[in-house]
N, C-alpha and C. Protein backbone atom coordinates (compact mmCIF):
# COMPACT_ATOMS: atom_id res chain seq x y z
N MET A 1 101.56 -37.18 -72.49
CA MET A 1 101.69 -36.84 -70.84
C MET A 1 101.85 -37.89 -70.26
N SER A 2 102.60 -38.20 -69.65
CA SER A 2 102.79 -39.19 -68.41
C SER A 2 101.77 -40.22 -68.03
N GLU A 3 102.03 -41.54 -68.04
CA GLU A 3 101.37 -42.79 -67.01
C GLU A 3 100.92 -41.89 -65.27
N ALA A 4 102.05 -41.29 -65.14
CA ALA A 4 102.27 -40.19 -63.71
C ALA A 4 101.36 -39.56 -64.04
N ILE A 5 101.46 -38.47 -64.16
CA ILE A 5 100.24 -37.31 -64.38
C ILE A 5 99.10 -37.58 -64.67
N ASN A 6 98.94 -38.49 -65.20
CA ASN A 6 97.07 -38.96 -65.51
C ASN A 6 96.43 -39.54 -64.37
N LYS A 7 98.17 -40.22 -63.82
CA LYS A 7 97.11 -40.99 -63.22
C LYS A 7 97.22 -40.24 -61.55
N ALA A 8 97.58 -39.12 -61.58
CA ALA A 8 97.94 -37.97 -60.47
C ALA A 8 96.62 -37.76 -60.93
N THR A 9 95.68 -36.88 -61.92
CA THR A 9 94.35 -35.90 -62.30
C THR A 9 93.33 -37.02 -62.20
N ARG A 10 93.63 -38.44 -62.33
CA ARG A 10 92.14 -39.36 -61.92
C ARG A 10 91.79 -39.16 -60.30
N VAL A 11 93.18 -39.81 -59.89
CA VAL A 11 93.00 -40.20 -58.50
C VAL A 11 92.85 -38.96 -57.75
N GLN A 12 93.44 -37.41 -58.66
CA GLN A 12 92.86 -36.35 -57.67
C GLN A 12 91.25 -35.99 -57.76
N ARG A 13 90.90 -36.42 -58.71
CA ARG A 13 88.89 -36.00 -58.83
C ARG A 13 88.63 -37.53 -57.89
N LEU A 14 89.18 -38.66 -57.50
CA LEU A 14 88.92 -39.04 -56.26
C LEU A 14 88.97 -38.96 -54.84
N LEU A 15 89.85 -38.27 -54.39
CA LEU A 15 89.97 -37.67 -53.62
C LEU A 15 89.49 -36.38 -52.96
N GLU A 16 88.93 -35.65 -54.42
CA GLU A 16 88.07 -34.45 -53.99
C GLU A 16 86.45 -34.81 -54.26
N ASP A 17 85.87 -36.34 -54.48
CA ASP A 17 84.37 -36.52 -55.04
C ASP A 17 84.10 -36.67 -53.30
N GLU A 18 82.73 -36.48 -53.20
CA GLU A 18 82.67 -36.48 -51.74
C GLU A 18 81.80 -38.07 -50.93
N ASN A 19 81.31 -38.54 -52.45
CA ASN A 19 80.73 -39.71 -52.19
C ASN A 19 81.59 -40.50 -51.67
N LEU A 20 83.34 -40.42 -52.35
CA LEU A 20 84.63 -41.00 -51.59
C LEU A 20 84.74 -41.17 -49.86
N ILE A 21 84.99 -39.83 -50.28
CA ILE A 21 84.90 -38.97 -48.55
C ILE A 21 84.49 -39.69 -47.67
N GLN A 22 82.94 -39.56 -48.23
CA GLN A 22 81.85 -39.32 -47.05
C GLN A 22 81.83 -41.41 -46.69
N ALA A 23 82.61 -41.71 -48.05
CA ALA A 23 82.52 -43.18 -47.47
C ALA A 23 83.81 -43.64 -46.93
N PHE A 24 85.30 -43.50 -46.70
CA PHE A 24 86.12 -43.17 -45.94
C PHE A 24 85.46 -43.19 -44.45
N GLN A 25 84.66 -41.85 -44.74
CA GLN A 25 84.26 -41.13 -43.10
C GLN A 25 83.67 -42.21 -42.63
N ASP A 26 82.51 -42.97 -43.43
CA ASP A 26 82.26 -43.83 -42.38
C ASP A 26 82.42 -45.33 -42.25
N VAL A 27 83.41 -45.50 -42.77
CA VAL A 27 83.71 -46.71 -42.22
C VAL A 27 84.79 -46.61 -41.34
N ARG A 28 85.59 -44.97 -41.15
CA ARG A 28 86.50 -44.76 -39.72
C ARG A 28 85.77 -44.27 -38.68
N SER A 29 84.47 -44.19 -38.68
CA SER A 29 83.15 -44.13 -37.64
C SER A 29 83.10 -45.26 -37.47
N ALA A 30 82.52 -46.52 -37.93
CA ALA A 30 81.92 -47.77 -37.88
C ALA A 30 83.53 -48.64 -36.88
N LEU A 31 84.77 -48.47 -37.91
CA LEU A 31 85.50 -49.06 -36.55
C LEU A 31 85.94 -48.43 -35.14
N HIS A 32 85.69 -47.12 -35.60
CA HIS A 32 85.61 -46.50 -34.48
C HIS A 32 84.66 -46.87 -33.10
N GLY A 33 83.42 -47.02 -33.76
CA GLY A 33 82.54 -47.55 -33.12
C GLY A 33 82.85 -49.36 -32.44
N LYS A 34 83.07 -49.47 -33.27
CA LYS A 34 83.48 -51.63 -32.69
C LYS A 34 84.12 -50.91 -31.51
N PHE A 35 85.00 -50.60 -31.55
CA PHE A 35 86.50 -50.00 -31.02
C PHE A 35 86.01 -49.86 -29.84
N GLU A 36 84.97 -49.21 -29.29
CA GLU A 36 84.34 -48.25 -28.03
C GLU A 36 83.96 -50.10 -26.97
N GLN A 37 82.89 -50.86 -28.44
CA GLN A 37 81.94 -51.72 -28.29
C GLN A 37 83.07 -52.44 -27.42
N THR A 38 83.85 -53.09 -28.46
CA THR A 38 84.51 -53.88 -27.83
C THR A 38 85.78 -53.86 -26.08
N LEU A 39 84.77 -55.28 -25.27
CA LEU A 39 85.62 -55.20 -23.66
C LEU A 39 87.13 -54.77 -23.78
N VAL A 40 88.03 -54.37 -23.05
CA VAL A 40 88.54 -54.34 -22.67
C VAL A 40 89.69 -55.30 -22.91
N ASN A 41 89.89 -56.52 -22.36
CA ASN A 41 89.74 -57.50 -22.24
C ASN A 41 89.67 -58.19 -23.83
N ASP A 42 89.04 -57.99 -24.75
CA ASP A 42 89.32 -58.46 -26.33
C ASP A 42 90.28 -58.24 -27.05
N GLY A 43 91.66 -58.37 -26.59
CA GLY A 43 92.96 -57.98 -27.37
C GLY A 43 92.39 -58.49 -28.27
N ASP A 44 92.46 -59.20 -29.06
CA ASP A 44 92.12 -60.10 -30.45
C ASP A 44 91.54 -58.49 -31.65
N THR A 45 90.76 -59.36 -30.67
CA THR A 45 89.72 -57.40 -31.78
C THR A 45 89.50 -56.45 -31.94
N LEU A 46 90.02 -55.51 -30.51
CA LEU A 46 91.22 -54.89 -30.55
C LEU A 46 91.89 -54.28 -31.38
N LEU A 47 92.92 -55.00 -31.87
CA LEU A 47 93.75 -55.28 -32.87
C LEU A 47 94.00 -55.14 -33.81
N ASP A 48 92.65 -56.61 -34.74
CA ASP A 48 92.38 -56.16 -35.77
C ASP A 48 91.77 -55.07 -35.70
N ILE A 49 90.78 -54.04 -35.56
CA ILE A 49 90.41 -53.32 -35.69
C ILE A 49 91.13 -52.10 -35.87
N ARG A 50 92.58 -51.95 -34.98
CA ARG A 50 93.78 -50.87 -34.54
C ARG A 50 93.96 -51.10 -36.45
N LYS A 51 94.17 -52.52 -36.49
CA LYS A 51 94.82 -53.34 -37.90
C LYS A 51 93.46 -52.09 -38.93
N MET A 52 92.72 -52.73 -38.77
CA MET A 52 91.76 -51.96 -40.11
C MET A 52 91.61 -50.69 -39.86
N LEU A 53 92.28 -49.96 -39.09
CA LEU A 53 91.92 -48.39 -39.15
C LEU A 53 92.99 -47.72 -39.98
N HIS A 54 94.29 -48.84 -39.46
CA HIS A 54 95.88 -48.25 -40.38
C HIS A 54 95.67 -48.92 -42.24
N LEU A 55 94.47 -49.99 -42.55
CA LEU A 55 94.87 -50.21 -43.87
C LEU A 55 94.17 -49.46 -44.60
N LEU A 56 93.15 -48.37 -43.33
CA LEU A 56 92.81 -47.17 -43.94
C LEU A 56 93.19 -46.24 -44.27
N ASP A 57 94.39 -45.90 -43.43
CA ASP A 57 94.54 -44.88 -43.07
C ASP A 57 95.87 -44.96 -44.81
N SER A 58 96.12 -46.47 -44.94
CA SER A 58 97.48 -46.43 -46.28
C SER A 58 96.84 -46.64 -47.29
N VAL A 59 95.86 -46.82 -47.45
CA VAL A 59 94.44 -46.35 -48.89
C VAL A 59 94.63 -44.80 -49.09
N TRP A 60 94.35 -44.05 -48.12
CA TRP A 60 94.37 -43.06 -48.88
C TRP A 60 95.83 -42.07 -48.78
N ALA A 61 97.05 -42.50 -47.48
CA ALA A 61 97.87 -41.98 -48.32
C ALA A 61 97.94 -42.36 -49.59
N ASN A 62 98.30 -43.80 -49.96
CA ASN A 62 99.07 -44.05 -50.99
C ASN A 62 97.70 -43.45 -52.72
N LEU A 63 96.58 -43.72 -52.68
CA LEU A 63 96.02 -42.30 -53.33
C LEU A 63 96.81 -40.82 -53.13
N GLU A 64 96.98 -40.41 -51.80
CA GLU A 64 97.71 -39.09 -52.19
C GLU A 64 98.93 -39.37 -51.94
N ARG A 65 99.83 -40.36 -52.39
CA ARG A 65 101.19 -40.32 -52.71
C ARG A 65 101.01 -40.10 -54.54
N ALA A 66 99.74 -40.58 -54.97
CA ALA A 66 99.87 -40.61 -56.43
C ALA A 66 99.49 -39.96 -56.53
N VAL A 67 99.27 -38.72 -56.54
CA VAL A 67 98.88 -37.43 -57.08
C VAL A 67 100.36 -36.67 -56.41
N GLU A 68 101.00 -36.87 -55.69
CA GLU A 68 102.05 -36.14 -54.83
C GLU A 68 103.56 -36.91 -56.32
N ASP A 69 103.31 -38.12 -56.73
CA ASP A 69 104.52 -38.44 -57.40
C ASP A 69 104.03 -38.14 -58.61
N GLY A 70 102.41 -38.07 -59.60
CA GLY A 70 102.61 -36.98 -60.37
C GLY A 70 102.54 -35.14 -61.00
N GLN A 71 102.45 -34.77 -59.41
CA GLN A 71 102.57 -33.33 -59.26
C GLN A 71 104.39 -33.32 -59.26
N LEU A 72 105.14 -33.90 -58.88
CA LEU A 72 106.71 -33.95 -59.22
C LEU A 72 107.17 -34.30 -60.39
N GLU A 73 106.20 -35.30 -61.64
CA GLU A 73 106.67 -35.30 -62.89
C GLU A 73 106.42 -34.05 -63.52
N GLN A 74 105.15 -34.01 -63.30
CA GLN A 74 104.64 -33.33 -64.07
C GLN A 74 105.56 -31.16 -63.59
N ALA A 75 106.58 -31.44 -62.59
CA ALA A 75 107.21 -30.50 -61.95
C ALA A 75 108.99 -31.00 -62.99
N ASN A 76 108.91 -31.87 -62.99
CA ASN A 76 110.57 -32.21 -63.75
C ASN A 76 110.35 -32.33 -65.52
N ILE A 77 109.41 -32.28 -65.43
CA ILE A 77 108.90 -32.01 -67.57
C ILE A 77 108.85 -30.56 -66.82
N GLU A 78 108.66 -29.79 -66.72
CA GLU A 78 108.52 -28.27 -66.54
C GLU A 78 110.04 -27.47 -66.64
N GLU A 79 110.93 -28.35 -65.84
CA GLU A 79 111.72 -28.07 -64.99
C GLU A 79 112.69 -28.15 -66.50
N ALA A 80 112.63 -29.53 -67.09
CA ALA A 80 112.83 -29.87 -68.13
C ALA A 80 112.97 -29.10 -69.35
N GLU A 81 112.13 -28.03 -69.48
CA GLU A 81 111.25 -28.26 -70.23
C GLU A 81 112.40 -26.34 -70.64
N LYS A 82 112.70 -25.93 -68.96
CA LYS A 82 113.33 -24.81 -69.45
C LYS A 82 114.83 -24.57 -70.16
N TYR A 83 115.64 -25.93 -69.93
CA TYR A 83 116.73 -25.81 -69.82
C TYR A 83 116.70 -26.63 -71.93
N ARG A 84 115.69 -27.20 -72.07
CA ARG A 84 115.76 -28.02 -73.10
C ARG A 84 116.72 -27.08 -73.97
N VAL A 85 117.44 -27.84 -75.04
CA VAL A 85 118.42 -27.54 -75.92
C VAL A 85 118.14 -27.26 -76.74
N GLY A 86 118.14 -26.36 -77.96
CA GLY A 86 117.01 -25.72 -79.20
C GLY A 86 118.03 -25.33 -79.61
N SER A 87 117.72 -25.26 -81.44
CA SER A 87 118.10 -24.44 -82.21
C SER A 87 119.65 -23.50 -81.37
N LEU A 88 120.45 -23.17 -82.42
CA LEU A 88 121.26 -22.66 -82.38
C LEU A 88 120.86 -21.31 -82.55
N GLY A 89 119.96 -20.87 -82.54
CA GLY A 89 118.77 -19.79 -83.11
C GLY A 89 118.46 -18.78 -81.55
N ASP A 90 117.99 -20.08 -81.04
CA ASP A 90 117.30 -19.94 -79.70
C ASP A 90 118.18 -18.49 -78.68
N LYS A 91 117.28 -17.66 -78.45
CA LYS A 91 117.61 -16.46 -77.44
C LYS A 91 118.33 -17.34 -75.86
N ALA A 92 118.43 -18.71 -75.69
CA ALA A 92 119.17 -19.20 -74.80
C ALA A 92 120.56 -19.53 -74.84
N TRP A 93 121.59 -19.46 -76.58
CA TRP A 93 122.68 -19.71 -76.81
C TRP A 93 123.08 -18.57 -77.52
N GLN A 94 122.97 -17.47 -77.96
CA GLN A 94 122.37 -16.57 -78.15
C GLN A 94 123.81 -15.95 -77.18
N ARG A 95 124.66 -14.57 -77.31
CA ARG A 95 125.96 -14.50 -76.35
C ARG A 95 125.02 -12.59 -76.39
N THR A 96 124.96 -12.22 -74.71
CA THR A 96 124.64 -11.03 -75.06
C THR A 96 125.91 -9.87 -75.01
N PRO A 97 125.71 -9.05 -75.15
CA PRO A 97 126.64 -7.71 -75.59
C PRO A 97 127.56 -7.90 -73.40
N LEU A 98 128.21 -7.38 -73.29
CA LEU A 98 128.82 -6.67 -72.52
C LEU A 98 128.71 -5.53 -72.33
N LYS A 99 128.22 -4.88 -71.22
CA LYS A 99 128.95 -3.50 -70.62
C LYS A 99 129.52 -3.42 -70.60
N ARG A 100 129.63 -2.23 -71.23
CA ARG A 100 130.87 -1.04 -70.54
C ARG A 100 131.14 -0.40 -69.74
């Protein structure tokens, strides 16, 4: 099994882990709370919070992309198996009689 498929399996378990999901939700809620408490004229802090939210989203998206990459790799392997060249005795290479 390829590294991408192994990684996808491990990451999928992470994405389904209730503790990790809760951790992401807690961090997001804390950042939103901080954003709401920050004064409108404190642009630097607001921008920093927005950057942190973006990074949080990027981490999650990166994990999802790893799963997608593994699924694509698995699909490619399965597709290649369909067309794998076997011995001349394989059914894929046998002629089918023409119907007349």
